[in-house]
């Protein structure tokens, strides 16, 4: 996939490009690894004072049949 990234810090880009060259990999591959690593980090936990303040959050798209998939794994259904 070809993508243009605007407003990228020039110093960060040069460092990333140099690291890609040292590893002998395309910069796109290194950028994909960096994005995956960022997305793999846990979301910051919101501080709450009580359970009464806890509000449900929507599941991300693609989870509409999640409970059925869990049942298949757990119960072999």
PDB file of N, CA and C in Angstrom:
ATOM      1  N   UNK A   1       0.841  -1.169   0.000  1.00  0.00           N
ATOM      2  CA  UNK A   1       0.000   0.000   0.000  1.00  0.00           C
ATOM      3  C   UNK A   1       0.888   1.234   0.000  1.00  0.00           C
ATOM      4  N   UNK A   2       0.630   2.148  -0.890  1.00  0.00           N
ATOM      5  CA  UNK A   2       1.375   3.399  -0.930  1.00  0.00           C
ATOM      6  C   UNK A   2       0.600   4.467  -0.182  1.00  0.00           C
ATOM      7  N   UNK A   3       1.276   5.132   0.755  1.00  0.00           N
ATOM      8  CA  UNK A   3       0.633   6.134   1.581  1.00  0.00           C
ATOM      9  C   UNK A   3       1.562   7.324   1.739  1.00  0.00           C
ATOM     10  N   UNK A   4       0.992   8.502   1.781  1.00  0.00           N
ATOM     11  CA  UNK A   4       1.754   9.715   2.054  1.00  0.00           C
ATOM     12  C   UNK A   4       1.470  10.134   3.489  1.00  0.00           C
ATOM     13  N   UNK A   5       2.527  10.418   4.226  1.00  0.00           N
ATOM     14  CA  UNK A   5       2.369  10.876   5.608  1.00  0.00           C
ATOM     15  C   UNK A   5       2.824  12.329   5.663  1.00  0.00           C
ATOM     16  N   UNK A   6       1.924  13.191   6.057  1.00  0.00           N
ATOM     17  CA  UNK A   6       2.229  14.621   6.148  1.00  0.00           C
ATOM     18  C   UNK A   6       2.595  14.986   7.581  1.00  0.00           C
ATOM     19  N   UNK A   7       3.330  16.079   7.701  1.00  0.00           N
ATOM     20  CA  UNK A   7       3.699  16.649   9.002  1.00  0.00           C
ATOM     21  C   UNK A   7       4.517  15.696   9.860  1.00  0.00           C
ATOM     22  N   UNK A   8       5.317  14.851   9.226  1.00  0.00           N
ATOM     23  CA  UNK A   8       6.205  13.952   9.957  1.00  0.00           C
ATOM     24  C   UNK A   8       7.442  14.732  10.373  1.00  0.00           C
ATOM     25  N   UNK A   9       7.864  14.549  11.603  1.00  0.00           N
ATOM     26  CA  UNK A   9       9.058  15.218  12.103  1.00  0.00           C
ATOM     27  C   UNK A   9      10.257  14.782  11.261  1.00  0.00           C
ATOM     28  N   UNK A  10      10.954  15.766  10.673  1.00  0.00           N
ATOM     29  CA  UNK A  10      12.053  15.464   9.754  1.00  0.00           C
ATOM     30  C   UNK A  10      13.181  14.699  10.436  1.00  0.00           C
ATOM     31  N   UNK A  11      13.507  15.060  11.652  1.00  0.00           N
ATOM     32  CA  UNK A  11      14.575  14.384  12.386  1.00  0.00           C
ATOM     33  C   UNK A  11      14.205  12.929  12.670  1.00  0.00           C
ATOM     34  N   UNK A  12      12.952  12.698  13.057  1.00  0.00           N
ATOM     35  CA  UNK A  12      12.495  11.328  13.320  1.00  0.00           C
ATOM     36  C   UNK A  12      12.546  10.505  12.040  1.00  0.00           C
ATOM     37  N   UNK A  13      12.132  11.103  10.917  1.00  0.00           N
ATOM     38  CA  UNK A  13      12.152  10.389   9.643  1.00  0.00           C
ATOM     39  C   UNK A  13      13.581  10.016   9.248  1.00  0.00           C
ATOM     40  N   UNK A  14      14.515  10.964   9.406  1.00  0.00           N
ATOM     41  CA  UNK A  14      15.919  10.665   9.047  1.00  0.00           C
ATOM     42  C   UNK A  14      16.470   9.531   9.907  1.00  0.00           C
ATOM     43  N   UNK A  15      16.141   9.554  11.205  1.00  0.00           N
ATOM     44  CA  UNK A  15      16.605   8.486  12.099  1.00  0.00           C
ATOM     45  C   UNK A  15      16.016   7.139  11.698  1.00  0.00           C
ATOM     46  N   UNK A  16      14.736   7.135  11.367  1.00  0.00           N
ATOM     47  CA  UNK A  16      14.078   5.903  10.943  1.00  0.00           C
ATOM     48  C   UNK A  16      14.679   5.391   9.638  1.00  0.00           C
ATOM     49  N   UNK A  17      14.936   6.300   8.705  1.00  0.00           N
ATOM     50  CA  UNK A  17      15.521   5.931   7.408  1.00  0.00           C
ATOM     51  C   UNK A  17      16.924   5.347   7.599  1.00  0.00           C
ATOM     52  N   UNK A  18      17.691   5.940   8.512  1.00  0.00           N
ATOM     53  CA  UNK A  18      19.040   5.433   8.782  1.00  0.00           C
ATOM     54  C   UNK A  18      18.974   4.046   9.410  1.00  0.00           C
ATOM     55  N   UNK A  19      18.053   3.844  10.338  1.00  0.00           N
ATOM     56  CA  UNK A  19      17.916   2.543  10.989  1.00  0.00           C
ATOM     57  C   UNK A  19      17.488   1.482   9.981  1.00  0.00           C
ATOM     58  N   UNK A  20      16.594   1.854   9.077  1.00  0.00           N
ATOM     59  CA  UNK A  20      16.165   0.916   8.036  1.00  0.00           C
ATOM     60  C   UNK A  20      17.349   0.522   7.157  1.00  0.00           C
ATOM     61  N   UNK A  21      18.170   1.502   6.818  1.00  0.00           N
ATOM     62  CA  UNK A  21      19.342   1.214   5.988  1.00  0.00           C
ATOM     63  C   UNK A  21      20.316   0.295   6.717  1.00  0.00           C
ATOM     64  N   UNK A  22      20.526   0.534   8.003  1.00  0.00           N
ATOM     65  CA  UNK A  22      21.442  -0.311   8.780  1.00  0.00           C
ATOM     66  C   UNK A  22      20.931  -1.749   8.876  1.00  0.00           C
ATOM     67  N   UNK A  23      19.615  -1.912   8.967  1.00  0.00           N
ATOM     68  CA  UNK A  23      19.029  -3.255   9.035  1.00  0.00           C
ATOM     69  C   UNK A  23      18.873  -3.885   7.661  1.00  0.00           C
ATOM     70  N   UNK A  24      19.011  -3.064   6.613  1.00  0.00           N
ATOM     71  CA  UNK A  24      18.869  -3.579   5.254  1.00  0.00           C
ATOM     72  C   UNK A  24      17.425  -3.904   4.893  1.00  0.00           C
ATOM     73  N   UNK A  25      16.487  -3.116   5.446  1.00  0.00           N
ATOM     74  CA  UNK A  25      15.066  -3.332   5.154  1.00  0.00           C
ATOM     75  C   UNK A  25      14.485  -2.042   4.595  1.00  0.00           C
ATOM     76  N   UNK A  26      13.416  -2.141   3.836  1.00  0.00           N
ATOM     77  CA  UNK A  26      12.772  -0.924   3.341  1.00  0.00           C
ATOM     78  C   UNK A  26      12.190  -0.105   4.484  1.00  0.00           C
ATOM     79  N   UNK A  27      12.165   1.197   4.323  1.00  0.00           N
ATOM     80  CA  UNK A  27      11.636   2.068   5.368  1.00  0.00           C
ATOM     81  C   UNK A  27      10.165   1.772   5.630  1.00  0.00           C
ATOM     82  N   UNK A  28       9.420   1.370   4.606  1.00  0.00           N
ATOM     83  CA  UNK A  28       8.017   1.028   4.790  1.00  0.00           C
ATOM     84  C   UNK A  28       7.838  -0.139   5.756  1.00  0.00           C
ATOM     85  N   UNK A  29       8.741  -1.127   5.657  1.00  0.00           N
ATOM     86  CA  UNK A  29       8.667  -2.280   6.562  1.00  0.00           C
ATOM     87  C   UNK A  29       8.915  -1.839   7.999  1.00  0.00           C
ATOM     88  N   UNK A  30       9.905  -0.987   8.190  1.00  0.00           N
ATOM     89  CA  UNK A  30      10.223  -0.508   9.528  1.00  0.00           C
ATOM     90  C   UNK A  30       9.086   0.361  10.073  1.00  0.00           C
ATOM     91  N   UNK A  31       8.476   1.161   9.195  1.00  0.00           N
ATOM     92  CA  UNK A  31       7.342   1.992   9.609  1.00  0.00           C
ATOM     93  C   UNK A  31       6.168   1.104  10.026  1.00  0.00           C
ATOM     94  N   UNK A  32       5.907   0.040   9.271  1.00  0.00           N
ATOM     95  CA  UNK A  32       4.828  -0.888   9.625  1.00  0.00           C
ATOM     96  C   UNK A  32       5.096  -1.535  10.977  1.00  0.00           C
ATOM     97  N   UNK A  33       6.338  -1.932  11.236  1.00  0.00           N
ATOM     98  CA  UNK A  33       6.691  -2.514  12.531  1.00  0.00           C
ATOM     99  C   UNK A  33       6.449  -1.515  13.658  1.00  0.00           C
ATOM    100  N   UNK A  34       6.826  -0.255  13.425  1.00  0.00           N
ATOM    101  CA  UNK A  34       6.646   0.778  14.447  1.00  0.00           C
ATOM    102  C   UNK A  34       5.161   1.014  14.724  1.00  0.00           C
ATOM    103  N   UNK A  35       4.352   1.028  13.674  1.00  0.00           N
ATOM    104  CA  UNK A  35       2.915   1.234  13.850  1.00  0.00           C
ATOM    105  C   UNK A  35       2.305   0.069  14.615  1.00  0.00           C
ATOM    106  N   UNK A  36       2.691  -1.178  14.244  1.00  0.00           N
ATOM    107  CA  UNK A  36       2.165  -2.346  14.958  1.00  0.00           C
ATOM    108  C   UNK A  36       2.551  -2.317  16.430  1.00  0.00           C
ATOM    109  N   UNK A  37       3.794  -1.927  16.719  1.00  0.00           N
ATOM    110  CA  UNK A  37       4.250  -1.852  18.109  1.00  0.00           C
ATOM    111  C   UNK A  37       3.437  -0.809  18.876  1.00  0.00           C
ATOM    112  N   UNK A  38       3.176   0.325  18.247  1.00  0.00           N
ATOM    113  CA  UNK A  38       2.378   1.365  18.891  1.00  0.00           C
ATOM    114  C   UNK A  38       0.962   0.864  19.155  1.00  0.00           C
ATOM    115  N   UNK A  39       0.358   0.224  18.165  1.00  0.00           N
ATOM    116  CA  UNK A  39      -1.005  -0.266  18.318  1.00  0.00           C
ATOM    117  C   UNK A  39      -1.098  -1.411  19.318  1.00  0.00           C
ATOM    118  N   UNK A  40      -0.009  -2.120  19.546  1.00  0.00           N
ATOM    119  CA  UNK A  40       0.005  -3.225  20.491  1.00  0.00           C
ATOM    120  C   UNK A  40       0.116  -2.792  21.944  1.00  0.00           C
ATOM    121  N   UNK A  41       0.441  -1.521  22.165  1.00  0.00           N
ATOM    122  CA  UNK A  41       0.546  -1.034  23.543  1.00  0.00           C
ATOM    123  C   UNK A  41      -0.837  -0.906  24.145  1.00  0.00           C
ATOM    124  N   UNK A  42      -0.953  -1.164  25.428  1.00  0.00           N
ATOM    125  CA  UNK A  42      -2.268  -1.007  26.063  1.00  0.00           C
ATOM    126  C   UNK A  42      -2.685   0.458  26.101  1.00  0.00           C
ATOM    127  N   UNK A  43      -3.981   0.659  26.018  1.00  0.00           N
ATOM    128  CA  UNK A  43      -4.523   2.014  26.123  1.00  0.00           C
ATOM    129  C   UNK A  43      -4.310   2.523  27.547  1.00  0.00           C
ATOM    130  N   UNK A  44      -4.084   3.811  27.714  1.00  0.00           N
ATOM    131  CA  UNK A  44      -3.959   4.344  29.076  1.00  0.00           C
ATOM    132  C   UNK A  44      -5.247   4.115  29.861  1.00  0.00           C
ATOM    133  N   UNK A  45      -5.090   3.758  31.097  1.00  0.00           N
ATOM    134  CA  UNK A  45      -6.251   3.497  31.958  1.00  0.00           C
ATOM    135  C   UNK A  45      -6.777   4.825  32.481  1.00  0.00           C
ATOM    136  N   UNK A  46      -8.080   5.019  32.300  1.00  0.00           N
ATOM    137  CA  UNK A  46      -8.690   6.230  32.826  1.00  0.00           C
ATOM    138  C   UNK A  46      -8.874   6.079  34.328  1.00  0.00           C
ATOM    139  N   UNK A  47      -8.515   7.109  35.057  1.00  0.00           N
ATOM    140  CA  UNK A  47      -8.669   7.070  36.504  1.00  0.00           C
ATOM    141  C   UNK A  47     -10.139   7.286  36.859  1.00  0.00           C
ATOM    142  N   UNK A  48     -10.662   6.408  37.694  1.00  0.00           N
ATOM    143  CA  UNK A  48     -12.045   6.526  38.144  1.00  0.00           C
ATOM    144  C   UNK A  48     -12.065   6.553  39.662  1.00  0.00           C
ATOM    145  N   UNK A  49     -13.024   7.250  40.188  1.00  0.00           N
ATOM    146  CA  UNK A  49     -13.137   7.325  41.640  1.00  0.00           C
ATOM    147  C   UNK A  49     -14.053   6.248  42.192  1.00  0.00           C
ATOM    148  N   UNK A  50     -15.000   5.741  41.373  1.00  0.00           N
ATOM    149  CA  UNK A  50     -15.907   4.714  41.860  1.00  0.00           C
ATOM    150  C   UNK A  50     -16.441   3.903  40.683  1.00  0.00           C
ATOM    151  N   UNK A  51     -16.999   2.732  40.991  1.00  0.00           N
ATOM    152  CA  UNK A  51     -17.595   1.899  39.941  1.00  0.00           C
ATOM    153  C   UNK A  51     -18.804   2.575  39.311  1.00  0.00           C
ATOM    154  N   UNK A  52     -19.450   3.467  40.031  1.00  0.00           N
ATOM    155  CA  UNK A  52     -20.620   4.170  39.501  1.00  0.00           C
ATOM    156  C   UNK A  52     -20.244   5.028  38.290  1.00  0.00           C
ATOM    157  N   UNK A  53     -18.981   5.426  38.197  1.00  0.00           N
ATOM    158  CA  UNK A  53     -18.524   6.247  37.078  1.00  0.00           C
ATOM    159  C   UNK A  53     -18.156   5.412  35.850  1.00  0.00           C
ATOM    160  N   UNK A  54     -18.098   4.114  36.004  1.00  0.00           N
ATOM    161  CA  UNK A  54     -17.719   3.231  34.905  1.00  0.00           C
ATOM    162  C   UNK A  54     -18.798   3.242  33.836  1.00  0.00           C
ATOM    163  N   UNK A  55     -18.443   3.506  32.599  1.00  0.00           N
ATOM    164  CA  UNK A  55     -19.381   3.545  31.492  1.00  0.00           C
ATOM    165  C   UNK A  55     -18.948   2.529  30.434  1.00  0.00           C
ATOM    166  N   UNK A  56     -19.907   1.871  29.808  1.00  0.00           N
ATOM    167  CA  UNK A  56     -19.554   0.888  28.783  1.00  0.00           C
ATOM    168  C   UNK A  56     -18.907   1.562  27.575  1.00  0.00           C
ATOM    169  N   UNK A  57     -18.031   0.824  26.934  1.00  0.00           N
ATOM    170  CA  UNK A  57     -17.396   1.294  25.707  1.00  0.00           C
ATOM    171  C   UNK A  57     -17.783   0.351  24.584  1.00  0.00           C
ATOM    172  N   UNK A  58     -17.980   0.868  23.398  1.00  0.00           N
ATOM    173  CA  UNK A  58     -18.332  -0.015  22.283  1.00  0.00           C
ATOM    174  C   UNK A  58     -17.133  -0.865  21.853  1.00  0.00           C
ATOM    175  N   UNK A  59     -17.416  -2.099  21.436  1.00  0.00           N
ATOM    176  CA  UNK A  59     -16.366  -2.943  20.879  1.00  0.00           C
ATOM    177  C   UNK A  59     -16.000  -2.411  19.507  1.00  0.00           C
ATOM    178  N   UNK A  60     -14.768  -2.641  19.081  1.00  0.00           N
ATOM    179  CA  UNK A  60     -14.402  -2.215  17.728  1.00  0.00           C
ATOM    180  C   UNK A  60     -15.176  -3.024  16.685  1.00  0.00           C
ATOM    181  N   UNK A  61     -15.242  -2.507  15.491  1.00  0.00           N
ATOM    182  CA  UNK A  61     -15.931  -3.201  14.402  1.00  0.00           C
ATOM    183  C   UNK A  61     -15.352  -4.588  14.182  1.00  0.00           C
ATOM    184  N   UNK A  62     -16.193  -5.488  13.699  1.00  0.00           N
ATOM    185  CA  UNK A  62     -15.745  -6.850  13.437  1.00  0.00           C
ATOM    186  C   UNK A  62     -15.959  -7.789  14.604  1.00  0.00           C
ATOM    187  N   UNK A  63     -16.538  -7.295  15.696  1.00  0.00           N
ATOM    188  CA  UNK A  63     -16.754  -8.124  16.884  1.00  0.00           C
ATOM    189  C   UNK A  63     -18.226  -8.498  17.065  1.00  0.00           C
ATOM    190  N   UNK A  64     -19.026  -8.336  16.016  1.00  0.00           N
ATOM    191  CA  UNK A  64     -20.459  -8.552  16.136  1.00  0.00           C
ATOM    192  C   UNK A  64     -20.809  -9.984  16.546  1.00  0.00           C
ATOM    193  N   UNK A  65     -19.982 -10.959  16.172  1.00  0.00           N
ATOM    194  CA  UNK A  65     -20.267 -12.363  16.467  1.00  0.00           C
ATOM    195  C   UNK A  65     -19.258 -12.917  17.485  1.00  0.00           C
ATOM    196  N   UNK A  66     -18.701 -12.038  18.286  1.00  0.00           N
ATOM    197  CA  UNK A  66     -17.654 -12.425  19.233  1.00  0.00           C
ATOM    198  C   UNK A  66     -18.126 -13.493  20.212  1.00  0.00           C
ATOM    199  N   UNK A  67     -19.319 -13.344  20.777  1.00  0.00           N
ATOM    200  CA  UNK A  67     -19.786 -14.322  21.765  1.00  0.00           C
ATOM    201  C   UNK A  67     -19.950 -15.700  21.127  1.00  0.00           C
ATOM    202  N   UNK A  68     -20.377 -15.746  19.872  1.00  0.00           N
ATOM    203  CA  UNK A  68     -20.511 -17.033  19.189  1.00  0.00           C
ATOM    204  C   UNK A  68     -19.137 -17.668  18.963  1.00  0.00           C
ATOM    205  N   UNK A  69     -18.143 -16.851  18.621  1.00  0.00           N
ATOM    206  CA  UNK A  69     -16.793 -17.365  18.418  1.00  0.00           C
ATOM    207  C   UNK A  69     -16.207 -17.886  19.731  1.00  0.00           C
ATOM    208  N   UNK A  70     -16.475 -17.178  20.832  1.00  0.00           N
ATOM    209  CA  UNK A  70     -16.002 -17.622  22.135  1.00  0.00           C
ATOM    210  C   UNK A  70     -16.661 -18.955  22.498  1.00  0.00           C
ATOM    211  N   UNK A  71     -17.979 -19.080  22.267  1.00  0.00           N
ATOM    212  CA  UNK A  71     -18.688 -20.334  22.538  1.00  0.00           C
ATOM    213  C   UNK A  71     -18.076 -21.488  21.753  1.00  0.00           C
ATOM    214  N   UNK A  72     -17.720 -21.266  20.503  1.00  0.00           N
ATOM    215  CA  UNK A  72     -17.104 -22.322  19.681  1.00  0.00           C
ATOM    216  C   UNK A  72     -15.792 -22.803  20.306  1.00  0.00           C
ATOM    217  N   UNK A  73     -15.019 -21.830  20.796  1.00  0.00           N
ATOM    218  CA  UNK A  73     -13.731 -22.177  21.387  1.00  0.00           C
ATOM    219  C   UNK A  73     -13.922 -22.898  22.711  1.00  0.00           C
ATOM    220  N   UNK A  74     -14.793 -22.371  23.553  1.00  0.00           N
ATOM    221  CA  UNK A  74     -14.971 -22.905  24.901  1.00  0.00           C
ATOM    222  C   UNK A  74     -15.746 -24.231  24.896  1.00  0.00           C
ATOM    223  N   UNK A  75     -16.845 -24.255  24.153  1.00  0.00           N
ATOM    224  CA  UNK A  75     -17.740 -25.405  24.200  1.00  0.00           C
ATOM    225  C   UNK A  75     -17.653 -26.309  22.968  1.00  0.00           C
ATOM    226  N   UNK A  76     -16.881 -25.911  21.993  1.00  0.00           N
ATOM    227  CA  UNK A  76     -16.770 -26.710  20.779  1.00  0.00           C
ATOM    228  C   UNK A  76     -18.058 -26.740  19.994  1.00  0.00           C
ATOM    229  N   UNK A  77     -18.885 -25.727  20.169  1.00  0.00           N
ATOM    230  CA  UNK A  77     -20.209 -25.683  19.515  1.00  0.00           C
ATOM    231  C   UNK A  77     -20.072 -25.384  18.040  1.00  0.00           C
TER     232      UNK A  77
END
